N, C-alpha and C. Protein backbone atom coordinates (compact mmCIF):
# COMPACT_ATOMS: atom_id res chain seq x y z
N GLN A 1 0.83 -1.20 0.00
CA GLN A 1 0.00 0.00 0.00
C GLN A 1 0.87 1.25 0.00
N VAL A 2 0.21 2.34 -0.33
CA VAL A 2 0.87 3.64 -0.38
C VAL A 2 0.12 4.60 0.54
N GLN A 3 0.86 5.34 1.32
CA GLN A 3 0.28 6.35 2.19
C GLN A 3 0.68 7.73 1.68
N LEU A 4 -0.31 8.62 1.66
CA LEU A 4 -0.09 9.98 1.18
C LEU A 4 -0.54 10.96 2.26
N VAL A 5 0.33 11.89 2.61
CA VAL A 5 0.01 12.87 3.65
C VAL A 5 0.21 14.27 3.09
N GLU A 6 -0.89 15.02 3.03
CA GLU A 6 -0.83 16.39 2.51
C GLU A 6 -0.59 17.39 3.63
N SER A 7 -0.04 18.52 3.24
CA SER A 7 0.10 19.64 4.17
C SER A 7 0.18 20.92 3.35
N GLY A 8 -0.02 22.04 4.03
CA GLY A 8 0.17 23.33 3.38
C GLY A 8 -1.09 24.10 3.06
N GLY A 9 -2.25 23.52 3.31
CA GLY A 9 -3.47 24.27 3.06
C GLY A 9 -3.66 25.39 4.05
N GLY A 10 -4.69 26.21 3.80
CA GLY A 10 -4.98 27.31 4.73
C GLY A 10 -5.86 28.35 4.10
N LEU A 11 -5.89 29.50 4.75
CA LEU A 11 -6.71 30.63 4.32
C LEU A 11 -5.79 31.70 3.74
N VAL A 12 -6.15 32.20 2.57
CA VAL A 12 -5.34 33.21 1.91
C VAL A 12 -6.25 34.18 1.18
N GLN A 13 -5.81 35.40 1.03
CA GLN A 13 -6.59 36.38 0.27
C GLN A 13 -6.40 36.16 -1.23
N ALA A 14 -7.36 36.60 -1.98
CA ALA A 14 -7.26 36.52 -3.44
C ALA A 14 -5.99 37.22 -3.91
N GLY A 15 -5.32 36.56 -4.85
CA GLY A 15 -4.04 37.08 -5.33
C GLY A 15 -2.84 36.53 -4.59
N GLY A 16 -3.09 35.85 -3.49
CA GLY A 16 -2.01 35.29 -2.69
C GLY A 16 -1.54 33.94 -3.21
N SER A 17 -0.63 33.34 -2.45
CA SER A 17 -0.01 32.08 -2.85
C SER A 17 -0.02 31.09 -1.69
N LEU A 18 -0.04 29.82 -2.05
CA LEU A 18 0.12 28.73 -1.10
C LEU A 18 0.91 27.63 -1.80
N ARG A 19 1.61 26.82 -1.00
CA ARG A 19 2.26 25.64 -1.55
C ARG A 19 1.80 24.42 -0.77
N LEU A 20 1.24 23.48 -1.50
CA LEU A 20 0.82 22.22 -0.92
C LEU A 20 1.93 21.19 -1.09
N SER A 21 2.06 20.33 -0.10
CA SER A 21 3.03 19.23 -0.16
C SER A 21 2.29 17.91 0.04
N CYS A 22 2.81 16.88 -0.60
CA CYS A 22 2.25 15.53 -0.44
C CYS A 22 3.41 14.57 -0.29
N ALA A 23 3.56 14.03 0.91
CA ALA A 23 4.63 13.08 1.19
C ALA A 23 4.11 11.66 1.03
N ALA A 24 4.80 10.88 0.21
CA ALA A 24 4.39 9.50 -0.06
C ALA A 24 5.28 8.53 0.67
N SER A 25 4.70 7.43 1.13
CA SER A 25 5.47 6.36 1.77
C SER A 25 4.81 5.03 1.45
N GLY A 26 5.56 3.97 1.69
CA GLY A 26 5.03 2.63 1.42
C GLY A 26 5.65 2.04 0.17
N ARG A 27 4.84 1.27 -0.54
CA ARG A 27 5.32 0.57 -1.73
C ARG A 27 5.18 1.49 -2.94
N LEU A 28 6.24 2.21 -3.23
CA LEU A 28 6.20 3.25 -4.25
C LEU A 28 6.74 2.81 -5.60
N ALA A 29 7.28 1.62 -5.69
CA ALA A 29 7.98 1.20 -6.90
C ALA A 29 7.09 1.21 -8.14
N ASN A 30 5.79 0.92 -7.96
CA ASN A 30 4.90 0.81 -9.11
C ASN A 30 4.11 2.08 -9.39
N ILE A 31 4.38 3.12 -8.65
CA ILE A 31 3.65 4.37 -8.87
C ILE A 31 4.14 5.03 -10.16
N ILE A 32 3.19 5.37 -11.03
CA ILE A 32 3.53 5.99 -12.31
C ILE A 32 3.38 7.50 -12.25
N ARG A 33 2.26 7.94 -11.65
CA ARG A 33 1.99 9.38 -11.59
C ARG A 33 1.51 9.76 -10.20
N MET A 34 1.72 11.01 -9.87
CA MET A 34 1.13 11.61 -8.68
C MET A 34 0.57 12.97 -9.06
N GLY A 35 -0.39 13.40 -8.29
CA GLY A 35 -0.98 14.68 -8.63
C GLY A 35 -1.99 15.14 -7.60
N TRP A 36 -2.80 16.08 -8.03
CA TRP A 36 -3.77 16.71 -7.14
C TRP A 36 -5.14 16.80 -7.81
N TYR A 37 -6.15 16.47 -7.05
CA TYR A 37 -7.54 16.76 -7.38
C TYR A 37 -8.04 17.79 -6.37
N ARG A 38 -9.17 18.37 -6.68
CA ARG A 38 -9.82 19.23 -5.70
C ARG A 38 -11.34 19.06 -5.79
N GLN A 39 -11.99 19.35 -4.67
CA GLN A 39 -13.44 19.24 -4.61
C GLN A 39 -13.99 20.41 -3.82
N ALA A 40 -14.79 21.21 -4.50
CA ALA A 40 -15.46 22.34 -3.86
C ALA A 40 -16.84 21.88 -3.38
N PRO A 41 -17.42 22.58 -2.43
CA PRO A 41 -18.74 22.18 -1.92
C PRO A 41 -19.77 22.09 -3.03
N GLY A 42 -20.48 20.97 -3.08
CA GLY A 42 -21.52 20.79 -4.07
C GLY A 42 -21.03 20.46 -5.46
N LYS A 43 -19.73 20.24 -5.61
CA LYS A 43 -19.18 19.94 -6.93
C LYS A 43 -18.44 18.61 -6.91
N GLN A 44 -18.25 18.06 -8.09
CA GLN A 44 -17.51 16.81 -8.21
C GLN A 44 -16.01 17.07 -8.07
N ARG A 45 -15.31 16.03 -7.62
CA ARG A 45 -13.86 16.11 -7.54
C ARG A 45 -13.29 16.17 -8.94
N GLY A 46 -12.35 17.09 -9.18
CA GLY A 46 -11.78 17.24 -10.50
C GLY A 46 -10.26 17.36 -10.46
N LEU A 47 -9.63 16.94 -11.54
CA LEU A 47 -8.18 16.96 -11.62
C LEU A 47 -7.66 18.39 -11.68
N VAL A 48 -6.61 18.65 -10.92
CA VAL A 48 -5.95 19.96 -10.93
C VAL A 48 -4.63 19.88 -11.70
N ALA A 49 -3.78 18.93 -11.30
CA ALA A 49 -2.47 18.80 -11.94
C ALA A 49 -1.93 17.41 -11.68
N VAL A 50 -1.09 16.94 -12.59
CA VAL A 50 -0.49 15.62 -12.47
C VAL A 50 0.93 15.68 -13.00
N ILE A 51 1.79 14.85 -12.40
CA ILE A 51 3.18 14.76 -12.85
C ILE A 51 3.57 13.30 -12.92
N GLY A 52 4.20 12.94 -14.02
CA GLY A 52 4.64 11.57 -14.21
C GLY A 52 6.06 11.35 -13.74
N ASN A 53 6.49 10.11 -13.77
CA ASN A 53 7.84 9.78 -13.30
C ASN A 53 8.91 10.45 -14.14
N SER A 54 8.59 10.72 -15.39
CA SER A 54 9.57 11.38 -16.26
C SER A 54 9.56 12.89 -16.12
N GLY A 55 8.65 13.38 -15.29
CA GLY A 55 8.56 14.82 -15.08
C GLY A 55 7.55 15.52 -15.96
N ASN A 56 6.89 14.77 -16.82
CA ASN A 56 5.88 15.39 -17.67
C ASN A 56 4.68 15.80 -16.83
N THR A 57 4.10 16.93 -17.17
CA THR A 57 3.02 17.49 -16.36
C THR A 57 1.78 17.78 -17.21
N ASN A 58 0.66 17.87 -16.51
CA ASN A 58 -0.59 18.24 -17.15
C ASN A 58 -1.42 19.02 -16.14
N TYR A 59 -2.17 20.01 -16.63
CA TYR A 59 -2.93 20.89 -15.75
C TYR A 59 -4.35 21.08 -16.26
N ALA A 60 -5.24 21.32 -15.31
CA ALA A 60 -6.57 21.76 -15.69
C ALA A 60 -6.47 23.15 -16.31
N ASP A 61 -7.32 23.43 -17.27
CA ASP A 61 -7.27 24.73 -17.95
C ASP A 61 -7.42 25.88 -16.96
N SER A 62 -8.21 25.68 -15.93
CA SER A 62 -8.51 26.75 -14.99
C SER A 62 -7.31 27.18 -14.14
N VAL A 63 -6.26 26.35 -14.10
CA VAL A 63 -5.10 26.68 -13.25
C VAL A 63 -3.83 26.89 -14.05
N LYS A 64 -3.88 26.69 -15.35
CA LYS A 64 -2.68 26.86 -16.18
C LYS A 64 -2.15 28.28 -16.05
N GLY A 65 -0.83 28.37 -15.89
CA GLY A 65 -0.21 29.68 -15.74
C GLY A 65 -0.19 30.19 -14.32
N ARG A 66 -0.95 29.55 -13.42
CA ARG A 66 -1.00 29.98 -12.02
C ARG A 66 -0.45 28.92 -11.06
N PHE A 67 -0.67 27.67 -11.38
CA PHE A 67 -0.23 26.55 -10.53
C PHE A 67 0.93 25.82 -11.18
N THR A 68 1.83 25.32 -10.36
CA THR A 68 2.95 24.53 -10.84
C THR A 68 3.11 23.30 -9.97
N ILE A 69 3.13 22.14 -10.61
CA ILE A 69 3.35 20.89 -9.89
C ILE A 69 4.81 20.47 -10.08
N SER A 70 5.40 19.95 -9.02
CA SER A 70 6.79 19.49 -9.09
C SER A 70 6.96 18.32 -8.12
N ARG A 71 8.08 17.64 -8.24
CA ARG A 71 8.32 16.51 -7.35
C ARG A 71 9.79 16.46 -6.95
N ASP A 72 10.01 15.98 -5.74
CA ASP A 72 11.35 15.73 -5.23
C ASP A 72 11.44 14.23 -4.99
N ASN A 73 12.07 13.53 -5.91
CA ASN A 73 12.10 12.07 -5.83
C ASN A 73 12.88 11.59 -4.61
N ALA A 74 13.88 12.33 -4.21
CA ALA A 74 14.67 11.93 -3.03
C ALA A 74 13.83 11.95 -1.77
N LYS A 75 12.83 12.83 -1.73
CA LYS A 75 11.96 12.94 -0.56
C LYS A 75 10.61 12.28 -0.76
N ASN A 76 10.40 11.69 -1.95
CA ASN A 76 9.11 11.09 -2.27
C ASN A 76 7.96 12.08 -2.01
N THR A 77 8.17 13.29 -2.45
CA THR A 77 7.21 14.37 -2.17
C THR A 77 6.85 15.10 -3.45
N VAL A 78 5.57 15.40 -3.57
CA VAL A 78 5.06 16.19 -4.69
C VAL A 78 4.54 17.51 -4.13
N TYR A 79 4.77 18.57 -4.88
CA TYR A 79 4.37 19.90 -4.46
C TYR A 79 3.40 20.51 -5.47
N LEU A 80 2.55 21.38 -4.96
CA LEU A 80 1.69 22.18 -5.83
C LEU A 80 1.83 23.63 -5.40
N GLN A 81 2.55 24.40 -6.20
CA GLN A 81 2.70 25.82 -5.95
C GLN A 81 1.52 26.54 -6.59
N MET A 82 0.77 27.26 -5.79
CA MET A 82 -0.43 27.93 -6.27
C MET A 82 -0.26 29.43 -6.11
N ASN A 83 -0.23 30.13 -7.23
CA ASN A 83 -0.06 31.59 -7.23
C ASN A 83 -1.31 32.25 -7.78
N ASN A 84 -1.44 33.53 -7.48
CA ASN A 84 -2.58 34.31 -7.96
C ASN A 84 -3.90 33.57 -7.68
N LEU A 85 -4.05 33.16 -6.46
CA LEU A 85 -5.24 32.38 -6.09
C LEU A 85 -6.51 33.20 -6.21
N LYS A 86 -7.57 32.52 -6.59
CA LYS A 86 -8.88 33.13 -6.78
C LYS A 86 -9.90 32.47 -5.84
N PRO A 87 -10.97 33.18 -5.52
CA PRO A 87 -11.98 32.56 -4.65
C PRO A 87 -12.50 31.23 -5.20
N GLU A 88 -12.56 31.09 -6.49
CA GLU A 88 -13.03 29.84 -7.08
C GLU A 88 -12.05 28.69 -6.93
N ASP A 89 -10.86 28.96 -6.43
CA ASP A 89 -9.92 27.88 -6.12
C ASP A 89 -10.21 27.26 -4.76
N THR A 90 -11.13 27.84 -4.01
CA THR A 90 -11.48 27.29 -2.71
C THR A 90 -12.02 25.88 -2.85
N ALA A 91 -11.40 24.95 -2.13
CA ALA A 91 -11.78 23.55 -2.23
C ALA A 91 -10.93 22.73 -1.24
N VAL A 92 -11.30 21.47 -1.11
CA VAL A 92 -10.42 20.52 -0.45
C VAL A 92 -9.53 19.92 -1.53
N TYR A 93 -8.25 19.96 -1.31
CA TYR A 93 -7.29 19.46 -2.28
C TYR A 93 -6.78 18.09 -1.83
N TYR A 94 -6.85 17.14 -2.74
CA TYR A 94 -6.46 15.76 -2.45
C TYR A 94 -5.27 15.35 -3.30
N CYS A 95 -4.27 14.84 -2.65
CA CYS A 95 -3.14 14.24 -3.36
C CYS A 95 -3.52 12.82 -3.77
N TYR A 96 -3.01 12.37 -4.91
CA TYR A 96 -3.27 11.00 -5.32
C TYR A 96 -2.04 10.41 -5.99
N ALA A 97 -2.07 9.08 -6.08
CA ALA A 97 -1.03 8.35 -6.80
C ALA A 97 -1.68 7.24 -7.59
N ASP A 98 -1.16 6.96 -8.77
CA ASP A 98 -1.72 5.86 -9.54
C ASP A 98 -0.62 4.96 -10.10
N ARG A 99 -1.03 3.71 -10.34
CA ARG A 99 -0.11 2.68 -10.85
C ARG A 99 -0.35 2.37 -12.31
N SER A 100 -1.46 2.90 -12.84
CA SER A 100 -1.84 2.52 -14.20
C SER A 100 -1.71 3.64 -15.20
N GLY A 101 -1.58 4.86 -14.72
CA GLY A 101 -1.57 6.00 -15.61
C GLY A 101 -2.96 6.38 -16.09
N VAL A 102 -3.97 5.80 -15.45
CA VAL A 102 -5.35 6.05 -15.88
C VAL A 102 -6.17 6.66 -14.75
N LEU A 103 -6.34 5.92 -13.67
CA LEU A 103 -7.18 6.37 -12.57
C LEU A 103 -6.39 6.31 -11.26
N PRO A 104 -6.75 7.18 -10.30
CA PRO A 104 -6.07 7.14 -9.01
C PRO A 104 -6.27 5.82 -8.28
N ASP A 105 -5.21 5.38 -7.62
CA ASP A 105 -5.27 4.18 -6.81
C ASP A 105 -5.21 4.49 -5.32
N PHE A 106 -4.56 5.58 -4.98
CA PHE A 106 -4.39 5.95 -3.58
C PHE A 106 -4.68 7.44 -3.41
N TRP A 107 -5.25 7.76 -2.23
CA TRP A 107 -5.62 9.14 -1.93
C TRP A 107 -5.07 9.57 -0.58
N GLY A 108 -4.77 10.86 -0.50
CA GLY A 108 -4.48 11.45 0.79
C GLY A 108 -5.77 11.84 1.49
N GLN A 109 -5.64 12.40 2.67
CA GLN A 109 -6.82 12.72 3.47
C GLN A 109 -7.45 14.05 3.07
N GLY A 110 -6.73 14.85 2.31
CA GLY A 110 -7.24 16.14 1.86
C GLY A 110 -6.79 17.29 2.74
N THR A 111 -6.62 18.44 2.12
CA THR A 111 -6.26 19.65 2.86
C THR A 111 -7.10 20.81 2.33
N GLN A 112 -7.64 21.61 3.23
CA GLN A 112 -8.55 22.68 2.84
C GLN A 112 -7.77 23.91 2.39
N VAL A 113 -8.18 24.44 1.25
CA VAL A 113 -7.67 25.72 0.76
C VAL A 113 -8.86 26.66 0.64
N THR A 114 -8.77 27.80 1.31
CA THR A 114 -9.83 28.79 1.27
C THR A 114 -9.25 30.12 0.81
N VAL A 115 -9.84 30.66 -0.25
CA VAL A 115 -9.38 31.93 -0.80
C VAL A 115 -10.48 32.97 -0.60
N SER A 116 -10.18 34.00 0.14
CA SER A 116 -11.16 35.04 0.42
C SER A 116 -11.04 36.16 -0.60
N SER A 117 -12.18 36.78 -0.88
CA SER A 117 -12.18 37.85 -1.89
C SER A 117 -11.94 39.20 -1.26
C-alpha cells in the first residue's frame, strides 16, 4: 500500500499564494503518476495537476499559468505551488497516486484551501 500525507493548506486572500506538499510512503515502486484533485462544496472532484515519473506534467485549464506541480524524488514528495489564487480555487485538495496512468489508486486525506475575496 501507499500512504499519502498532505500539508500546506490554509486561508489566503485573493491574489495570494500557497504551496501544498504531499509526502508519499510505502510501496512506491509501481507508482507511475502523482498529482492533485480538488473538490469544492456541491461539486464533483476534478483533476488539478499531475506529474509523471519522467517529469511530464498536465494541468486543468482553470489553473494553467498559475499553478505549478513538481516533485522531489529523493523525498518522495510532490508539491503544488499555487499563485494568484482566486476565490473559485477554494476547495479541499487531495493528493493521489496511480499505478496505471489512468485512474487514481491511492488518496491522501485532503487539505482545505480557502481563498477570500
